[in-house]
Amino acid sequence: MPNDHSGTNYQRSPYFGALQSIVDALYEVGDSKEEIIAAMVRPPEVRRLDVVLAAEAADLPDDLLRIVRLLPPGNYTRDRLCVQLNSAIAGHAWGQVYGTVA
């Protein structure tokens, strides 16, 4: 599979939804009642470095790696990370190509 999307910005890439899978994996919460309550009280955070390493390990195309590398340094709750990634995706008009994250 090619590492870059070629085509228009309205044709879905084979990597559509790949960033969502990474976000889901980074914020996976256990099944125990205690873990769920703890995540609700204090939402888990990940570092920018964690996101970049997960994206590189997933062998994402260069377009998506560029989006991830645009993240400013810091810690991210799931909501904050999704806002940052979706902002960059929308700015590049790649929402229909790669999808957004939630």
PDB file of N, CA and C in Angstrom:
ATOM      1  N   MET A   1       0.846  -1.172   0.000  1.00  0.00           N
ATOM      2  CA  MET A   1       0.000   0.000   0.000  1.00  0.00           C
ATOM      3  C   MET A   1       0.895   1.239   0.000  1.00  0.00           C
ATOM      4  N   PRO A   2       0.575   2.253  -0.811  1.00  0.00           N
ATOM      5  CA  PRO A   2       1.411   3.444  -0.840  1.00  0.00           C
ATOM      6  C   PRO A   2       1.368   4.171   0.493  1.00  0.00           C
ATOM      7  N   ASN A   3       2.425   4.894   0.766  1.00  0.00           N
ATOM      8  CA  ASN A   3       2.543   5.594   2.034  1.00  0.00           C
ATOM      9  C   ASN A   3       1.896   6.969   2.000  1.00  0.00           C
ATOM     10  N   ASP A   4       1.536   7.462   0.835  1.00  0.00           N
ATOM     11  CA  ASP A   4       0.879   8.762   0.707  1.00  0.00           C
ATOM     12  C   ASP A   4      -0.418   8.601  -0.050  1.00  0.00           C
ATOM     13  N   HIS A   5      -1.353   9.472   0.235  1.00  0.00           N
ATOM     14  CA  HIS A   5      -2.619   9.482  -0.495  1.00  0.00           C
ATOM     15  C   HIS A   5      -2.431  10.299  -1.759  1.00  0.00           C
ATOM     16  N   SER A   6      -2.829   9.747  -2.867  1.00  0.00           N
ATOM     17  CA  SER A   6      -2.823  10.526  -4.100  1.00  0.00           C
ATOM     18  C   SER A   6      -4.243  10.554  -4.621  1.00  0.00           C
ATOM     19  N   GLY A   7      -4.665  11.703  -5.018  1.00  0.00           N
ATOM     20  CA  GLY A   7      -6.030  11.873  -5.485  1.00  0.00           C
ATOM     21  C   GLY A   7      -6.591  13.171  -4.956  1.00  0.00           C
ATOM     22  N   THR A   8      -7.876  13.304  -5.037  1.00  0.00           N
ATOM     23  CA  THR A   8      -8.506  14.536  -4.587  1.00  0.00           C
ATOM     24  C   THR A   8      -8.750  14.483  -3.089  1.00  0.00           C
ATOM     25  N   ASN A   9      -9.179  15.630  -2.549  1.00  0.00           N
ATOM     26  CA  ASN A   9      -9.434  15.664  -1.110  1.00  0.00           C
ATOM     27  C   ASN A   9     -10.844  15.204  -0.763  1.00  0.00           C
ATOM     28  N   TYR A  10     -11.527  14.557  -1.685  1.00  0.00           N
ATOM     29  CA  TYR A  10     -12.826  13.967  -1.353  1.00  0.00           C
ATOM     30  C   TYR A  10     -12.844  12.458  -1.568  1.00  0.00           C
ATOM     31  N   GLN A  11     -11.729  11.885  -1.985  1.00  0.00           N
ATOM     32  CA  GLN A  11     -11.636  10.432  -2.121  1.00  0.00           C
ATOM     33  C   GLN A  11     -11.043   9.857  -0.842  1.00  0.00           C
ATOM     34  N   ARG A  12     -11.700   8.857  -0.284  1.00  0.00           N
ATOM     35  CA  ARG A  12     -11.207   8.244   0.952  1.00  0.00           C
ATOM     36  C   ARG A  12      -9.894   7.529   0.724  1.00  0.00           C
ATOM     37  N   SER A  13      -9.013   7.724   1.667  1.00  0.00           N
ATOM     38  CA  SER A  13      -7.729   7.039   1.660  1.00  0.00           C
ATOM     39  C   SER A  13      -7.903   5.648   2.268  1.00  0.00           C
ATOM     40  N   PRO A  14      -7.017   4.713   1.928  1.00  0.00           N
ATOM     41  CA  PRO A  14      -7.030   3.420   2.627  1.00  0.00           C
ATOM     42  C   PRO A  14      -6.748   3.588   4.123  1.00  0.00           C
ATOM     43  N   TYR A  15      -6.224   4.749   4.507  1.00  0.00           N
ATOM     44  CA  TYR A  15      -5.906   5.030   5.908  1.00  0.00           C
ATOM     45  C   TYR A  15      -7.030   5.782   6.615  1.00  0.00           C
ATOM     46  N   PHE A  16      -8.206   5.848   6.000  1.00  0.00           N
ATOM     47  CA  PHE A  16      -9.342   6.525   6.625  1.00  0.00           C
ATOM     48  C   PHE A  16      -9.615   5.877   7.983  1.00  0.00           C
ATOM     49  N   GLY A  17      -9.660   6.675   9.048  1.00  0.00           N
ATOM     50  CA  GLY A  17      -9.923   6.169  10.394  1.00  0.00           C
ATOM     51  C   GLY A  17      -8.696   5.697  11.153  1.00  0.00           C
ATOM     52  N   ALA A  18      -7.515   5.785  10.538  1.00  0.00           N
ATOM     53  CA  ALA A  18      -6.305   5.299  11.207  1.00  0.00           C
ATOM     54  C   ALA A  18      -5.975   6.114  12.455  1.00  0.00           C
ATOM     55  N   LEU A  19      -6.176   7.427  12.401  1.00  0.00           N
ATOM     56  CA  LEU A  19      -5.908   8.247  13.589  1.00  0.00           C
ATOM     57  C   LEU A  19      -6.871   7.908  14.722  1.00  0.00           C
ATOM     58  N   GLN A  20      -8.115   7.579  14.383  1.00  0.00           N
ATOM     59  CA  GLN A  20      -9.084   7.198  15.417  1.00  0.00           C
ATOM     60  C   GLN A  20      -8.616   5.954  16.155  1.00  0.00           C
ATOM     61  N   SER A  21      -8.058   5.009  15.437  1.00  0.00           N
ATOM     62  CA  SER A  21      -7.547   3.785  16.071  1.00  0.00           C
ATOM     63  C   SER A  21      -6.425   4.104  17.041  1.00  0.00           C
ATOM     64  N   ILE A  22      -5.574   5.050  16.688  1.00  0.00           N
ATOM     65  CA  ILE A  22      -4.464   5.431  17.568  1.00  0.00           C
ATOM     66  C   ILE A  22      -4.996   6.122  18.816  1.00  0.00           C
ATOM     67  N   VAL A  23      -5.941   7.035  18.642  1.00  0.00           N
ATOM     68  CA  VAL A  23      -6.529   7.723  19.799  1.00  0.00           C
ATOM     69  C   VAL A  23      -7.195   6.710  20.727  1.00  0.00           C
ATOM     70  N   ASP A  24      -7.941   5.774  20.170  1.00  0.00           N
ATOM     71  CA  ASP A  24      -8.596   4.745  20.988  1.00  0.00           C
ATOM     72  C   ASP A  24      -7.573   3.931  21.774  1.00  0.00           C
ATOM     73  N   ALA A  25      -6.479   3.567  21.131  1.00  0.00           N
ATOM     74  CA  ALA A  25      -5.450   2.763  21.799  1.00  0.00           C
ATOM     75  C   ALA A  25      -4.754   3.553  22.903  1.00  0.00           C
ATOM     76  N   LEU A  26      -4.512   4.831  22.685  1.00  0.00           N
ATOM     77  CA  LEU A  26      -3.821   5.648  23.686  1.00  0.00           C
ATOM     78  C   LEU A  26      -4.661   5.866  24.941  1.00  0.00           C
ATOM     79  N   TYR A  27      -5.971   5.903  24.787  1.00  0.00           N
ATOM     80  CA  TYR A  27      -6.850   6.198  25.922  1.00  0.00           C
ATOM     81  C   TYR A  27      -7.675   4.995  26.346  1.00  0.00           C
ATOM     82  N   GLU A  28      -7.196   3.813  26.069  1.00  0.00           N
ATOM     83  CA  GLU A  28      -7.922   2.608  26.450  1.00  0.00           C
ATOM     84  C   GLU A  28      -8.005   2.509  27.970  1.00  0.00           C
ATOM     85  N   VAL A  29      -9.213   2.322  28.463  1.00  0.00           N
ATOM     86  CA  VAL A  29      -9.457   2.202  29.903  1.00  0.00           C
ATOM     87  C   VAL A  29      -9.815   0.749  30.190  1.00  0.00           C
ATOM     88  N   GLY A  30      -9.334   0.245  31.301  1.00  0.00           N
ATOM     89  CA  GLY A  30      -9.628  -1.136  31.676  1.00  0.00           C
ATOM     90  C   GLY A  30     -11.109  -1.362  31.924  1.00  0.00           C
ATOM     91  N   ASP A  31     -11.460  -2.601  32.158  1.00  0.00           N
ATOM     92  CA  ASP A  31     -12.863  -2.973  32.343  1.00  0.00           C
ATOM     93  C   ASP A  31     -13.325  -2.926  33.796  1.00  0.00           C
ATOM     94  N   SER A  32     -12.391  -2.787  34.723  1.00  0.00           N
ATOM     95  CA  SER A  32     -12.805  -2.826  36.125  1.00  0.00           C
ATOM     96  C   SER A  32     -13.543  -1.537  36.503  1.00  0.00           C
ATOM     97  N   LYS A  33     -14.423  -1.673  37.451  1.00  0.00           N
ATOM     98  CA  LYS A  33     -15.230  -0.547  37.916  1.00  0.00           C
ATOM     99  C   LYS A  33     -14.345   0.584  38.442  1.00  0.00           C
ATOM    100  N   GLU A  34     -13.283   0.220  39.161  1.00  0.00           N
ATOM    101  CA  GLU A  34     -12.387   1.216  39.736  1.00  0.00           C
ATOM    102  C   GLU A  34     -11.671   2.017  38.651  1.00  0.00           C
ATOM    103  N   GLU A  35     -11.227   1.336  37.597  1.00  0.00           N
ATOM    104  CA  GLU A  35     -10.524   2.025  36.511  1.00  0.00           C
ATOM    105  C   GLU A  35     -11.453   2.978  35.762  1.00  0.00           C
ATOM    106  N   ILE A  36     -12.677   2.565  35.574  1.00  0.00           N
ATOM    107  CA  ILE A  36     -13.649   3.409  34.879  1.00  0.00           C
ATOM    108  C   ILE A  36     -13.968   4.648  35.702  1.00  0.00           C
ATOM    109  N   ILE A  37     -14.173   4.474  37.003  1.00  0.00           N
ATOM    110  CA  ILE A  37     -14.463   5.610  37.885  1.00  0.00           C
ATOM    111  C   ILE A  37     -13.267   6.549  37.943  1.00  0.00           C
ATOM    112  N   ALA A  38     -12.067   5.999  38.056  1.00  0.00           N
ATOM    113  CA  ALA A  38     -10.864   6.833  38.098  1.00  0.00           C
ATOM    114  C   ALA A  38     -10.718   7.654  36.818  1.00  0.00           C
ATOM    115  N   ALA A  39     -11.029   7.067  35.677  1.00  0.00           N
ATOM    116  CA  ALA A  39     -10.931   7.782  34.401  1.00  0.00           C
ATOM    117  C   ALA A  39     -11.983   8.883  34.296  1.00  0.00           C
ATOM    118  N   MET A  40     -13.128   8.680  34.954  1.00  0.00           N
ATOM    119  CA  MET A  40     -14.170   9.708  34.928  1.00  0.00           C
ATOM    120  C   MET A  40     -13.819  10.865  35.852  1.00  0.00           C
ATOM    121  N   VAL A  41     -13.209  10.556  36.995  1.00  0.00           N
ATOM    122  CA  VAL A  41     -12.850  11.590  37.961  1.00  0.00           C
ATOM    123  C   VAL A  41     -11.683  12.425  37.444  1.00  0.00           C
ATOM    124  N   ARG A  42     -10.670  11.764  36.970  1.00  0.00           N
ATOM    125  CA  ARG A  42      -9.489  12.452  36.430  1.00  0.00           C
ATOM    126  C   ARG A  42      -9.158  11.810  35.091  1.00  0.00           C
ATOM    127  N   PRO A  43      -9.576  12.468  34.008  1.00  0.00           N
ATOM    128  CA  PRO A  43      -9.339  11.877  32.685  1.00  0.00           C
ATOM    129  C   PRO A  43      -7.852  11.629  32.441  1.00  0.00           C
ATOM    130  N   PRO A  44      -7.519  10.500  31.846  1.00  0.00           N
ATOM    131  CA  PRO A  44      -6.116  10.196  31.574  1.00  0.00           C
ATOM    132  C   PRO A  44      -5.525  11.182  30.567  1.00  0.00           C
ATOM    133  N   GLU A  45      -4.223  11.390  30.689  1.00  0.00           N
ATOM    134  CA  GLU A  45      -3.503  12.272  29.778  1.00  0.00           C
ATOM    135  C   GLU A  45      -2.370  11.505  29.124  1.00  0.00           C
ATOM    136  N   VAL A  46      -2.060  11.881  27.902  1.00  0.00           N
ATOM    137  CA  VAL A  46      -0.894  11.340  27.212  1.00  0.00           C
ATOM    138  C   VAL A  46      -0.015  12.506  26.791  1.00  0.00           C
ATOM    139  N   ARG A  47       1.264  12.224  26.641  1.00  0.00           N
ATOM    140  CA  ARG A  47       2.201  13.259  26.192  1.00  0.00           C
ATOM    141  C   ARG A  47       2.226  13.308  24.669  1.00  0.00           C
ATOM    142  N   ARG A  48       2.637  14.432  24.134  1.00  0.00           N
ATOM    143  CA  ARG A  48       2.789  14.570  22.687  1.00  0.00           C
ATOM    144  C   ARG A  48       3.694  13.472  22.157  1.00  0.00           C
ATOM    145  N   LEU A  49       4.769  13.189  22.877  1.00  0.00           N
ATOM    146  CA  LEU A  49       5.713  12.163  22.449  1.00  0.00           C
ATOM    147  C   LEU A  49       5.023  10.807  22.306  1.00  0.00           C
ATOM    148  N   ASP A  50       4.115  10.480  23.226  1.00  0.00           N
ATOM    149  CA  ASP A  50       3.369   9.220  23.137  1.00  0.00           C
ATOM    150  C   ASP A  50       2.565   9.144  21.840  1.00  0.00           C
ATOM    151  N   VAL A  51       1.950  10.259  21.476  1.00  0.00           N
ATOM    152  CA  VAL A  51       1.126  10.296  20.263  1.00  0.00           C
ATOM    153  C   VAL A  51       2.001  10.138  19.024  1.00  0.00           C
ATOM    154  N   VAL A  52       3.124  10.848  18.996  1.00  0.00           N
ATOM    155  CA  VAL A  52       4.033  10.774  17.845  1.00  0.00           C
ATOM    156  C   VAL A  52       4.583   9.361  17.693  1.00  0.00           C
ATOM    157  N   LEU A  53       5.011   8.757  18.792  1.00  0.00           N
ATOM    158  CA  LEU A  53       5.556   7.398  18.723  1.00  0.00           C
ATOM    159  C   LEU A  53       4.499   6.385  18.282  1.00  0.00           C
ATOM    160  N   ALA A  54       3.279   6.543  18.765  1.00  0.00           N
ATOM    161  CA  ALA A  54       2.205   5.632  18.355  1.00  0.00           C
ATOM    162  C   ALA A  54       1.911   5.781  16.864  1.00  0.00           C
ATOM    163  N   ALA A  55       1.930   7.005  16.370  1.00  0.00           N
ATOM    164  CA  ALA A  55       1.677   7.240  14.942  1.00  0.00           C
ATOM    165  C   ALA A  55       2.795   6.657  14.085  1.00  0.00           C
ATOM    166  N   GLU A  56       4.031   6.827  14.531  1.00  0.00           N
ATOM    167  CA  GLU A  56       5.153   6.273  13.773  1.00  0.00           C
ATOM    168  C   GLU A  56       5.140   4.747  13.814  1.00  0.00           C
ATOM    169  N   ALA A  57       4.797   4.179  14.949  1.00  0.00           N
ATOM    170  CA  ALA A  57       4.746   2.719  15.074  1.00  0.00           C
ATOM    171  C   ALA A  57       3.635   2.124  14.210  1.00  0.00           C
ATOM    172  N   ALA A  58       2.564   2.888  13.996  1.00  0.00           N
ATOM    173  CA  ALA A  58       1.448   2.411  13.178  1.00  0.00           C
ATOM    174  C   ALA A  58       1.732   2.552  11.685  1.00  0.00           C
ATOM    175  N   ASP A  59       2.884   3.104  11.344  1.00  0.00           N
ATOM    176  CA  ASP A  59       3.287   3.266   9.940  1.00  0.00           C
ATOM    177  C   ASP A  59       2.246   4.055   9.151  1.00  0.00           C
ATOM    178  N   LEU A  60       1.858   5.200   9.726  1.00  0.00           N
ATOM    179  CA  LEU A  60       0.894   6.061   9.054  1.00  0.00           C
ATOM    180  C   LEU A  60       1.541   6.743   7.853  1.00  0.00           C
ATOM    181  N   PRO A  61       0.731   7.176   6.891  1.00  0.00           N
ATOM    182  CA  PRO A  61       1.287   7.897   5.748  1.00  0.00           C
ATOM    183  C   PRO A  61       1.851   9.252   6.187  1.00  0.00           C
ATOM    184  N   ASP A  62       2.688   9.815   5.348  1.00  0.00           N
ATOM    185  CA  ASP A  62       3.353  11.079   5.682  1.00  0.00           C
ATOM    186  C   ASP A  62       2.362  12.196   5.995  1.00  0.00           C
ATOM    187  N   ASP A  63       1.229  12.235   5.296  1.00  0.00           N
ATOM    188  CA  ASP A  63       0.225  13.269   5.557  1.00  0.00           C
ATOM    189  C   ASP A  63      -0.254  13.218   7.005  1.00  0.00           C
ATOM    190  N   LEU A  64      -0.548  12.035   7.503  1.00  0.00           N
ATOM    191  CA  LEU A  64      -1.041  11.908   8.877  1.00  0.00           C
ATOM    192  C   LEU A  64       0.072  12.129   9.897  1.00  0.00           C
ATOM    193  N   LEU A  65       1.280  11.703   9.572  1.00  0.00           N
ATOM    194  CA  LEU A  65       2.401  11.990  10.478  1.00  0.00           C
ATOM    195  C   LEU A  65       2.613  13.492  10.596  1.00  0.00           C
ATOM    196  N   ARG A  66       2.436  14.203   9.507  1.00  0.00           N
ATOM    197  CA  ARG A  66       2.569  15.660   9.534  1.00  0.00           C
ATOM    198  C   ARG A  66       1.530  16.265  10.471  1.00  0.00           C
ATOM    199  N   ILE A  67       0.308  15.750  10.427  1.00  0.00           N
ATOM    200  CA  ILE A  67      -0.760  16.235  11.313  1.00  0.00           C
ATOM    201  C   ILE A  67      -0.380  15.996  12.774  1.00  0.00           C
ATOM    202  N   VAL A  68       0.111  14.809  13.078  1.00  0.00           N
ATOM    203  CA  VAL A  68       0.477  14.468  14.460  1.00  0.00           C
ATOM    204  C   VAL A  68       1.646  15.325  14.932  1.00  0.00           C
ATOM    205  N   ARG A  69       2.600  15.560  14.062  1.00  0.00           N
ATOM    206  CA  ARG A  69       3.775  16.353  14.450  1.00  0.00           C
ATOM    207  C   ARG A  69       3.458  17.826  14.645  1.00  0.00           C
ATOM    208  N   LEU A  70       2.293  18.269  14.194  1.00  0.00           N
ATOM    209  CA  LEU A  70       1.879  19.656  14.420  1.00  0.00           C
ATOM    210  C   LEU A  70       1.423  19.901  15.860  1.00  0.00           C
ATOM    211  N   LEU A  71       1.230  18.837  16.624  1.00  0.00           N
ATOM    212  CA  LEU A  71       0.796  18.999  18.019  1.00  0.00           C
ATOM    213  C   LEU A  71       1.834  19.788  18.807  1.00  0.00           C
ATOM    214  N   PRO A  72       1.383  20.800  19.552  1.00  0.00           N
ATOM    215  CA  PRO A  72       2.323  21.499  20.428  1.00  0.00           C
ATOM    216  C   PRO A  72       2.739  20.595  21.588  1.00  0.00           C
ATOM    217  N   PRO A  73       3.912  20.819  22.155  1.00  0.00           N
ATOM    218  CA  PRO A  73       4.339  20.015  23.305  1.00  0.00           C
ATOM    219  C   PRO A  73       3.337  20.142  24.454  1.00  0.00           C
ATOM    220  N   GLY A  74       3.220  19.083  25.219  1.00  0.00           N
ATOM    221  CA  GLY A  74       2.343  19.126  26.376  1.00  0.00           C
ATOM    222  C   GLY A  74       1.637  17.811  26.614  1.00  0.00           C
ATOM    223  N   ASN A  75       0.782  17.818  27.617  1.00  0.00           N
ATOM    224  CA  ASN A  75      -0.038  16.660  27.957  1.00  0.00           C
ATOM    225  C   ASN A  75      -1.444  16.886  27.429  1.00  0.00           C
ATOM    226  N   TYR A  76      -2.090  15.801  26.995  1.00  0.00           N
ATOM    227  CA  TYR A  76      -3.386  15.905  26.343  1.00  0.00           C
ATOM    228  C   TYR A  76      -4.393  14.942  26.939  1.00  0.00           C
ATOM    229  N   THR A  77      -5.539  15.497  27.342  1.00  0.00           N
ATOM    230  CA  THR A  77      -6.685  14.638  27.609  1.00  0.00           C
ATOM    231  C   THR A  77      -7.223  14.225  26.241  1.00  0.00           C
ATOM    232  N   ARG A  78      -8.097  13.266  26.222  1.00  0.00           N
ATOM    233  CA  ARG A  78      -8.650  12.814  24.936  1.00  0.00           C
ATOM    234  C   ARG A  78      -9.349  13.960  24.206  1.00  0.00           C
ATOM    235  N   ASP A  79     -10.145  14.741  24.943  1.00  0.00           N
ATOM    236  CA  ASP A  79     -10.869  15.851  24.315  1.00  0.00           C
ATOM    237  C   ASP A  79      -9.911  16.863  23.697  1.00  0.00           C
ATOM    238  N   ARG A  80      -8.898  17.239  24.447  1.00  0.00           N
ATOM    239  CA  ARG A  80      -7.947  18.236  23.950  1.00  0.00           C
ATOM    240  C   ARG A  80      -7.186  17.709  22.734  1.00  0.00           C
ATOM    241  N   LEU A  81      -6.784  16.450  22.774  1.00  0.00           N
ATOM    242  CA  LEU A  81      -6.067  15.864  21.644  1.00  0.00           C
ATOM    243  C   LEU A  81      -6.950  15.841  20.401  1.00  0.00           C
ATOM    244  N   CYS A  82      -8.199  15.453  20.566  1.00  0.00           N
ATOM    245  CA  CYS A  82      -9.115  15.395  19.422  1.00  0.00           C
ATOM    246  C   CYS A  82      -9.337  16.781  18.819  1.00  0.00           C
ATOM    247  N   VAL A  83      -9.476  17.789  19.662  1.00  0.00           N
ATOM    248  CA  VAL A  83      -9.647  19.158  19.156  1.00  0.00           C
ATOM    249  C   VAL A  83      -8.426  19.578  18.348  1.00  0.00           C
ATOM    250  N   GLN A  84      -7.237  19.308  18.873  1.00  0.00           N
ATOM    251  CA  GLN A  84      -6.005  19.687  18.170  1.00  0.00           C
ATOM    252  C   GLN A  84      -5.878  18.956  16.837  1.00  0.00           C
ATOM    253  N   LEU A  85      -6.086  17.644  16.846  1.00  0.00           N
ATOM    254  CA  LEU A  85      -5.948  16.866  15.611  1.00  0.00           C
ATOM    255  C   LEU A  85      -7.009  17.258  14.589  1.00  0.00           C
ATOM    256  N   ASN A  86      -8.249  17.410  15.035  1.00  0.00           N
ATOM    257  CA  ASN A  86      -9.321  17.775  14.109  1.00  0.00           C
ATOM    258  C   ASN A  86      -9.112  19.162  13.517  1.00  0.00           C
ATOM    259  N   SER A  87      -8.549  20.065  14.302  1.00  0.00           N
ATOM    260  CA  SER A  87      -8.250  21.397  13.791  1.00  0.00           C
ATOM    261  C   SER A  87      -7.235  21.324  12.652  1.00  0.00           C
ATOM    262  N   ALA A  88      -6.196  20.539  12.841  1.00  0.00           N
ATOM    263  CA  ALA A  88      -5.173  20.394  11.799  1.00  0.00           C
ATOM    264  C   ALA A  88      -5.732  19.661  10.580  1.00  0.00           C
ATOM    265  N   ILE A  89      -6.548  18.641  10.811  1.00  0.00           N
ATOM    266  CA  ILE A  89      -7.158  17.900   9.697  1.00  0.00           C
ATOM    267  C   ILE A  89      -8.059  18.833   8.882  1.00  0.00           C
ATOM    268  N   ALA A  90      -8.868  19.627   9.565  1.00  0.00           N
ATOM    269  CA  ALA A  90      -9.760  20.558   8.870  1.00  0.00           C
ATOM    270  C   ALA A  90      -8.966  21.630   8.131  1.00  0.00           C
ATOM    271  N   GLY A  91      -7.887  22.097   8.739  1.00  0.00           N
ATOM    272  CA  GLY A  91      -7.056  23.110   8.097  1.00  0.00           C
ATOM    273  C   GLY A  91      -6.428  22.634   6.801  1.00  0.00           C
ATOM    274  N   HIS A  92      -6.193  21.348   6.708  1.00  0.00           N
ATOM    275  CA  HIS A  92      -5.635  20.767   5.483  1.00  0.00           C
ATOM    276  C   HIS A  92      -6.724  20.238   4.543  1.00  0.00           C
ATOM    277  N   ALA A  93      -7.983  20.353   4.944  1.00  0.00           N
ATOM    278  CA  ALA A  93      -9.129  19.851   4.170  1.00  0.00           C
ATOM    279  C   ALA A  93      -9.017  18.352   3.916  1.00  0.00           C
ATOM    280  N   TRP A  94      -8.606  17.606   4.953  1.00  0.00           N
ATOM    281  CA  TRP A  94      -8.425  16.169   4.829  1.00  0.00           C
ATOM    282  C   TRP A  94      -9.471  15.368   5.594  1.00  0.00           C
ATOM    283  N   GLY A  95     -10.523  16.013   6.056  1.00  0.00           N
ATOM    284  CA  GLY A  95     -11.545  15.308   6.824  1.00  0.00           C
ATOM    285  C   GLY A  95     -12.186  14.171   6.056  1.00  0.00           C
ATOM    286  N   GLN A  96     -12.490  14.385   4.790  1.00  0.00           N
ATOM    287  CA  GLN A  96     -13.110  13.330   3.988  1.00  0.00           C
ATOM    288  C   GLN A  96     -12.099  12.286   3.549  1.00  0.00           C
ATOM    289  N   VAL A  97     -10.836  12.670   3.510  1.00  0.00           N
ATOM    290  CA  VAL A  97      -9.790  11.741   3.062  1.00  0.00           C
ATOM    291  C   VAL A  97      -9.396  10.788   4.183  1.00  0.00           C
ATOM    292  N   TYR A  98      -9.103  11.335   5.367  1.00  0.00           N
ATOM    293  CA  TYR A  98      -8.591  10.525   6.472  1.00  0.00           C
ATOM    294  C   TYR A  98      -9.558  10.377   7.636  1.00  0.00           C
ATOM    295  N   GLY A  99     -10.610  11.175   7.682  1.00  0.00           N
ATOM    296  CA  GLY A  99     -11.553  11.121   8.785  1.00  0.00           C
ATOM    297  C   GLY A  99     -11.102  11.985   9.949  1.00  0.00           C
ATOM    298  N   THR A 100     -12.016  12.252  10.852  1.00  0.00           N
ATOM    299  CA  THR A 100     -11.694  13.009  12.055  1.00  0.00           C
ATOM    300  C   THR A 100     -11.693  12.056  13.244  1.00  0.00           C
ATOM    301  N   VAL A 101     -11.345  12.586  14.407  1.00  0.00           N
ATOM    302  CA  VAL A 101     -11.249  11.750  15.605  1.00  0.00           C
ATOM    303  C   VAL A 101     -12.217  12.239  16.667  1.00  0.00           C
ATOM    304  N   ALA A 102     -12.610  11.325  17.548  1.00  0.00           N
ATOM    305  CA  ALA A 102     -13.542  11.664  18.630  1.00  0.00           C
ATOM    306  C   ALA A 102     -13.090  10.997  19.908  1.00  0.00           C
TER     307      ALA A 102
END
